[in-house]
N, C-alpha and C. Protein backbone atom coordinates (compact mmCIF):
# COMPACT_ATOMS: atom_id res chain seq x y z
N UNK A 1 5.23 -19.33 22.04
CA UNK A 1 4.40 -18.40 22.77
C UNK A 1 5.17 -17.13 23.13
N UNK A 2 6.41 -17.26 23.56
CA UNK A 2 7.16 -16.08 24.00
C UNK A 2 7.52 -15.18 22.84
N UNK A 3 7.67 -15.74 21.65
CA UNK A 3 7.91 -14.90 20.48
C UNK A 3 6.66 -14.06 20.19
N UNK A 4 5.50 -14.60 20.50
CA UNK A 4 4.26 -13.83 20.33
C UNK A 4 4.23 -12.64 21.28
N UNK A 5 4.75 -12.81 22.48
CA UNK A 5 4.81 -11.71 23.44
C UNK A 5 5.72 -10.60 22.91
N UNK A 6 6.89 -10.99 22.39
CA UNK A 6 7.81 -10.01 21.83
C UNK A 6 7.18 -9.32 20.63
N UNK A 7 6.59 -10.10 19.75
CA UNK A 7 5.94 -9.55 18.56
C UNK A 7 4.85 -8.55 18.94
N UNK A 8 4.00 -8.91 19.89
CA UNK A 8 2.91 -8.01 20.28
C UNK A 8 3.45 -6.73 20.90
N UNK A 9 4.50 -6.82 21.69
CA UNK A 9 5.05 -5.60 22.28
C UNK A 9 5.63 -4.69 21.21
N UNK A 10 6.25 -5.25 20.19
CA UNK A 10 6.77 -4.45 19.08
C UNK A 10 5.63 -3.81 18.28
N UNK A 11 4.58 -4.59 18.03
CA UNK A 11 3.42 -4.04 17.33
C UNK A 11 2.79 -2.90 18.12
N UNK A 12 2.66 -3.09 19.42
CA UNK A 12 2.09 -2.04 20.27
C UNK A 12 2.97 -0.80 20.27
N UNK A 13 4.28 -0.98 20.38
CA UNK A 13 5.19 0.16 20.41
C UNK A 13 5.17 0.94 19.10
N UNK A 14 4.93 0.23 18.01
CA UNK A 14 4.88 0.87 16.69
C UNK A 14 3.51 1.44 16.38
N UNK A 15 2.54 1.23 17.28
CA UNK A 15 1.18 1.70 17.03
C UNK A 15 0.43 0.83 16.05
N UNK A 16 0.87 -0.42 15.90
CA UNK A 16 0.24 -1.34 14.95
C UNK A 16 -0.56 -2.44 15.65
N UNK A 17 -0.77 -2.33 16.93
CA UNK A 17 -1.46 -3.37 17.68
C UNK A 17 -2.94 -3.11 17.88
N UNK A 18 -3.48 -2.11 17.23
CA UNK A 18 -4.88 -1.71 17.45
C UNK A 18 -5.91 -2.75 17.04
N UNK A 19 -5.59 -3.58 16.09
CA UNK A 19 -6.60 -4.51 15.57
C UNK A 19 -7.11 -5.47 16.63
N UNK A 20 -6.34 -5.72 17.67
CA UNK A 20 -6.79 -6.63 18.71
C UNK A 20 -7.95 -6.06 19.51
N UNK A 21 -7.92 -4.76 19.71
CA UNK A 21 -8.94 -4.08 20.52
C UNK A 21 -9.35 -2.78 19.84
N UNK A 22 -9.89 -2.89 18.67
CA UNK A 22 -10.22 -1.72 17.86
C UNK A 22 -11.24 -0.80 18.54
N UNK A 23 -12.03 -1.33 19.44
CA UNK A 23 -13.07 -0.52 20.08
C UNK A 23 -12.55 0.30 21.26
N UNK A 24 -11.30 0.11 21.66
CA UNK A 24 -10.76 0.89 22.77
C UNK A 24 -10.71 2.37 22.40
N UNK A 25 -10.85 3.24 23.39
CA UNK A 25 -10.71 4.68 23.12
C UNK A 25 -9.24 5.01 22.83
N UNK A 26 -9.05 6.16 22.19
CA UNK A 26 -7.69 6.56 21.78
C UNK A 26 -6.72 6.60 22.96
N UNK A 27 -7.16 7.07 24.13
CA UNK A 27 -6.27 7.17 25.28
C UNK A 27 -5.73 5.80 25.69
N UNK A 28 -6.54 4.75 25.52
CA UNK A 28 -6.10 3.40 25.88
C UNK A 28 -5.03 2.90 24.92
N UNK A 29 -5.21 3.17 23.61
CA UNK A 29 -4.20 2.79 22.63
C UNK A 29 -2.88 3.51 22.92
N UNK A 30 -2.98 4.79 23.29
CA UNK A 30 -1.80 5.57 23.63
C UNK A 30 -1.10 4.99 24.85
N UNK A 31 -1.89 4.60 25.85
CA UNK A 31 -1.33 4.01 27.07
C UNK A 31 -0.62 2.70 26.77
N UNK A 32 -1.23 1.84 25.97
CA UNK A 32 -0.63 0.56 25.60
C UNK A 32 0.68 0.78 24.85
N UNK A 33 0.67 1.75 23.93
CA UNK A 33 1.87 2.06 23.16
C UNK A 33 3.00 2.52 24.09
N UNK A 34 2.69 3.42 25.02
CA UNK A 34 3.71 3.92 25.94
C UNK A 34 4.24 2.82 26.86
N UNK A 35 3.37 1.95 27.32
CA UNK A 35 3.81 0.84 28.17
C UNK A 35 4.73 -0.11 27.40
N UNK A 36 4.41 -0.35 26.14
CA UNK A 36 5.24 -1.23 25.30
C UNK A 36 6.61 -0.59 25.08
N UNK A 37 6.62 0.70 24.78
CA UNK A 37 7.89 1.41 24.58
C UNK A 37 8.73 1.34 25.85
N UNK A 38 8.10 1.55 26.98
CA UNK A 38 8.82 1.49 28.25
C UNK A 38 9.39 0.09 28.48
N UNK A 39 8.59 -0.94 28.25
CA UNK A 39 9.03 -2.32 28.47
C UNK A 39 10.20 -2.67 27.56
N UNK A 40 10.14 -2.21 26.32
CA UNK A 40 11.21 -2.51 25.35
C UNK A 40 12.47 -1.69 25.60
N UNK A 41 12.34 -0.55 26.26
CA UNK A 41 13.46 0.37 26.43
C UNK A 41 14.21 0.21 27.75
N UNK A 42 13.51 -0.15 28.79
CA UNK A 42 14.12 -0.22 30.11
C UNK A 42 14.65 -1.62 30.40
N UNK A 43 15.73 -1.66 31.17
CA UNK A 43 16.25 -2.96 31.61
C UNK A 43 15.36 -3.51 32.70
N UNK A 44 14.86 -4.69 32.47
CA UNK A 44 14.06 -5.35 33.50
C UNK A 44 14.28 -6.85 33.40
N UNK A 45 14.11 -7.51 34.50
CA UNK A 45 14.25 -8.97 34.50
C UNK A 45 13.18 -9.61 33.65
N UNK A 46 11.98 -9.03 33.65
CA UNK A 46 10.88 -9.56 32.85
C UNK A 46 11.24 -9.55 31.36
N UNK A 47 11.76 -8.43 30.87
CA UNK A 47 12.16 -8.33 29.47
C UNK A 47 13.24 -9.36 29.15
N UNK A 48 14.21 -9.45 30.02
CA UNK A 48 15.30 -10.41 29.84
C UNK A 48 14.78 -11.84 29.79
N UNK A 49 13.89 -12.18 30.71
CA UNK A 49 13.33 -13.54 30.76
C UNK A 49 12.51 -13.86 29.51
N UNK A 50 11.72 -12.89 29.05
CA UNK A 50 10.90 -13.11 27.86
C UNK A 50 11.79 -13.32 26.64
N UNK A 51 12.80 -12.48 26.47
CA UNK A 51 13.71 -12.64 25.33
C UNK A 51 14.43 -13.98 25.38
N UNK A 52 14.87 -14.38 26.56
CA UNK A 52 15.52 -15.68 26.70
C UNK A 52 14.57 -16.82 26.34
N UNK A 53 13.36 -16.75 26.82
CA UNK A 53 12.37 -17.80 26.53
C UNK A 53 12.02 -17.83 25.05
N UNK A 54 12.04 -16.66 24.41
CA UNK A 54 11.73 -16.57 22.98
C UNK A 54 12.94 -16.90 22.11
N UNK A 55 14.08 -17.07 22.75
CA UNK A 55 15.36 -17.31 22.07
C UNK A 55 15.68 -16.22 21.05
N UNK A 56 15.46 -14.97 21.46
CA UNK A 56 15.78 -13.80 20.64
C UNK A 56 16.71 -12.92 21.48
N UNK A 57 17.85 -12.55 20.93
CA UNK A 57 18.78 -11.70 21.70
C UNK A 57 18.14 -10.36 22.08
N UNK A 58 18.29 -9.99 23.33
CA UNK A 58 17.75 -8.72 23.82
C UNK A 58 18.24 -7.54 23.00
N UNK A 59 19.52 -7.57 22.65
CA UNK A 59 20.10 -6.45 21.91
C UNK A 59 19.41 -6.27 20.56
N UNK A 60 19.08 -7.38 19.91
CA UNK A 60 18.41 -7.31 18.60
C UNK A 60 17.03 -6.69 18.74
N UNK A 61 16.30 -7.07 19.77
CA UNK A 61 14.96 -6.53 19.98
C UNK A 61 15.04 -5.05 20.32
N UNK A 62 15.95 -4.67 21.20
CA UNK A 62 16.08 -3.25 21.57
C UNK A 62 16.46 -2.40 20.36
N UNK A 63 17.39 -2.87 19.56
CA UNK A 63 17.82 -2.12 18.37
C UNK A 63 16.65 -1.96 17.40
N UNK A 64 15.92 -3.04 17.19
CA UNK A 64 14.77 -2.99 16.28
C UNK A 64 13.67 -2.09 16.85
N UNK A 65 13.43 -2.19 18.15
CA UNK A 65 12.41 -1.36 18.80
C UNK A 65 12.74 0.12 18.65
N UNK A 66 14.00 0.48 18.78
CA UNK A 66 14.39 1.88 18.61
C UNK A 66 14.06 2.37 17.21
N UNK A 67 14.28 1.53 16.22
CA UNK A 67 13.93 1.91 14.85
C UNK A 67 12.43 2.13 14.71
N UNK A 68 11.64 1.24 15.31
CA UNK A 68 10.19 1.38 15.25
C UNK A 68 9.71 2.64 15.94
N UNK A 69 10.27 2.92 17.10
CA UNK A 69 9.87 4.08 17.88
C UNK A 69 10.19 5.37 17.13
N UNK A 70 11.29 5.36 16.39
CA UNK A 70 11.65 6.53 15.56
C UNK A 70 10.75 6.67 14.34
N UNK A 71 9.95 5.64 14.06
CA UNK A 71 9.05 5.69 12.91
C UNK A 71 9.67 5.20 11.62
N UNK A 72 10.73 4.42 11.70
CA UNK A 72 11.42 3.88 10.54
C UNK A 72 10.46 3.02 9.71
N UNK A 73 10.15 3.47 8.50
CA UNK A 73 9.18 2.79 7.63
C UNK A 73 9.65 1.38 7.26
N UNK A 74 10.94 1.21 7.02
CA UNK A 74 11.46 -0.12 6.66
C UNK A 74 11.30 -1.09 7.83
N UNK A 75 11.51 -0.60 9.04
CA UNK A 75 11.35 -1.45 10.22
C UNK A 75 9.88 -1.85 10.39
N UNK A 76 8.97 -0.91 10.16
CA UNK A 76 7.54 -1.24 10.26
C UNK A 76 7.15 -2.29 9.22
N UNK A 77 7.70 -2.17 8.03
CA UNK A 77 7.41 -3.15 6.98
C UNK A 77 7.90 -4.54 7.40
N UNK A 78 9.12 -4.61 7.94
CA UNK A 78 9.64 -5.88 8.43
C UNK A 78 8.77 -6.46 9.54
N UNK A 79 8.31 -5.59 10.44
CA UNK A 79 7.47 -6.03 11.55
C UNK A 79 6.15 -6.60 11.03
N UNK A 80 5.56 -5.95 10.06
CA UNK A 80 4.31 -6.44 9.48
C UNK A 80 4.53 -7.79 8.80
N UNK A 81 5.66 -7.93 8.10
CA UNK A 81 5.98 -9.21 7.46
C UNK A 81 6.16 -10.31 8.51
N UNK A 82 6.83 -9.98 9.63
CA UNK A 82 7.00 -10.96 10.70
C UNK A 82 5.64 -11.34 11.28
N UNK A 83 4.79 -10.34 11.52
CA UNK A 83 3.44 -10.60 12.04
C UNK A 83 2.67 -11.54 11.12
N UNK A 84 2.72 -11.25 9.82
CA UNK A 84 1.98 -12.07 8.86
C UNK A 84 2.53 -13.49 8.77
N UNK A 85 3.85 -13.62 8.81
CA UNK A 85 4.47 -14.95 8.81
C UNK A 85 4.09 -15.71 10.06
N UNK A 86 4.12 -15.02 11.18
CA UNK A 86 3.76 -15.64 12.47
C UNK A 86 2.32 -16.12 12.44
N UNK A 87 1.42 -15.29 11.92
CA UNK A 87 0.00 -15.65 11.85
C UNK A 87 -0.20 -16.85 10.93
N UNK A 88 0.50 -16.86 9.82
CA UNK A 88 0.39 -17.96 8.86
C UNK A 88 0.85 -19.27 9.50
N UNK A 89 1.94 -19.21 10.24
CA UNK A 89 2.44 -20.41 10.92
C UNK A 89 1.45 -20.90 11.96
N UNK A 90 0.81 -19.96 12.66
CA UNK A 90 -0.19 -20.33 13.66
C UNK A 90 -1.37 -21.05 13.04
N UNK A 91 -1.81 -20.59 11.86
CA UNK A 91 -2.92 -21.25 11.16
C UNK A 91 -2.54 -22.65 10.75
N UNK A 92 -1.31 -22.84 10.30
CA UNK A 92 -0.86 -24.17 9.90
C UNK A 92 -0.89 -25.12 11.08
N UNK A 93 -0.49 -24.63 12.23
CA UNK A 93 -0.47 -25.48 13.42
C UNK A 93 -1.88 -25.91 13.80
N UNK A 94 -2.84 -25.00 13.73
CA UNK A 94 -4.20 -25.35 14.13
C UNK A 94 -4.86 -26.27 13.10
N UNK A 95 -4.38 -26.22 11.88
CA UNK A 95 -4.90 -27.14 10.86
C UNK A 95 -4.24 -28.51 10.94
N UNK A 96 -3.26 -28.66 11.82
CA UNK A 96 -2.59 -29.93 11.98
C UNK A 96 -1.52 -30.20 10.93
N UNK A 97 -1.15 -29.20 10.18
CA UNK A 97 -0.13 -29.36 9.15
C UNK A 97 1.23 -29.10 9.78
N UNK A 98 2.20 -29.91 9.41
CA UNK A 98 3.53 -29.73 9.95
C UNK A 98 4.12 -28.41 9.45
N UNK A 99 4.74 -27.67 10.37
CA UNK A 99 5.28 -26.35 10.06
C UNK A 99 6.79 -26.45 9.93
N UNK A 100 7.33 -25.73 8.95
CA UNK A 100 8.78 -25.65 8.84
C UNK A 100 9.33 -24.92 10.05
N UNK A 101 10.59 -25.15 10.36
CA UNK A 101 11.20 -24.47 11.48
C UNK A 101 11.16 -22.97 11.25
N UNK A 102 10.80 -22.24 12.28
CA UNK A 102 10.70 -20.79 12.20
C UNK A 102 12.06 -20.18 11.90
N UNK A 103 12.11 -19.23 10.96
CA UNK A 103 13.40 -18.59 10.65
C UNK A 103 13.92 -17.83 11.85
N UNK A 104 15.20 -17.56 11.84
CA UNK A 104 15.81 -16.82 12.92
C UNK A 104 15.28 -15.39 12.92
N UNK A 105 14.58 -15.04 13.97
CA UNK A 105 13.94 -13.73 14.07
C UNK A 105 14.98 -12.63 14.01
N UNK A 106 16.13 -12.84 14.60
CA UNK A 106 17.17 -11.81 14.58
C UNK A 106 17.54 -11.46 13.14
N UNK A 107 17.62 -12.45 12.26
CA UNK A 107 17.95 -12.18 10.87
C UNK A 107 16.83 -11.41 10.18
N UNK A 108 15.59 -11.68 10.55
CA UNK A 108 14.45 -11.02 9.93
C UNK A 108 14.36 -9.55 10.30
N UNK A 109 14.66 -9.20 11.52
CA UNK A 109 14.40 -7.84 11.98
C UNK A 109 15.60 -6.92 11.90
N UNK A 110 16.77 -7.45 11.59
CA UNK A 110 17.94 -6.57 11.52
C UNK A 110 18.34 -6.24 10.12
């Protein structure tokens, strides 16, 4: 669950989280993006706790988030691949099929 929180914040910061609420007005998408960027950029106990619970190093997420915020196309591609892999794993779980252990996210995003 906590990896989903990290993933969604990265998608929002990259401007790729719109599909969840496509009917929102543009100002709301902009607000969500800015809040995600702020959460990923600033030191907070909440960010630290979420990364710890997700078992993803904070430094790896911050470094990757900076690439996304700069508009790095390769980073966006990796993020989309992570999103798609995550979604595929979620479908397997709901179908009752045993899922392979999730790859190390730090290796995927760096």
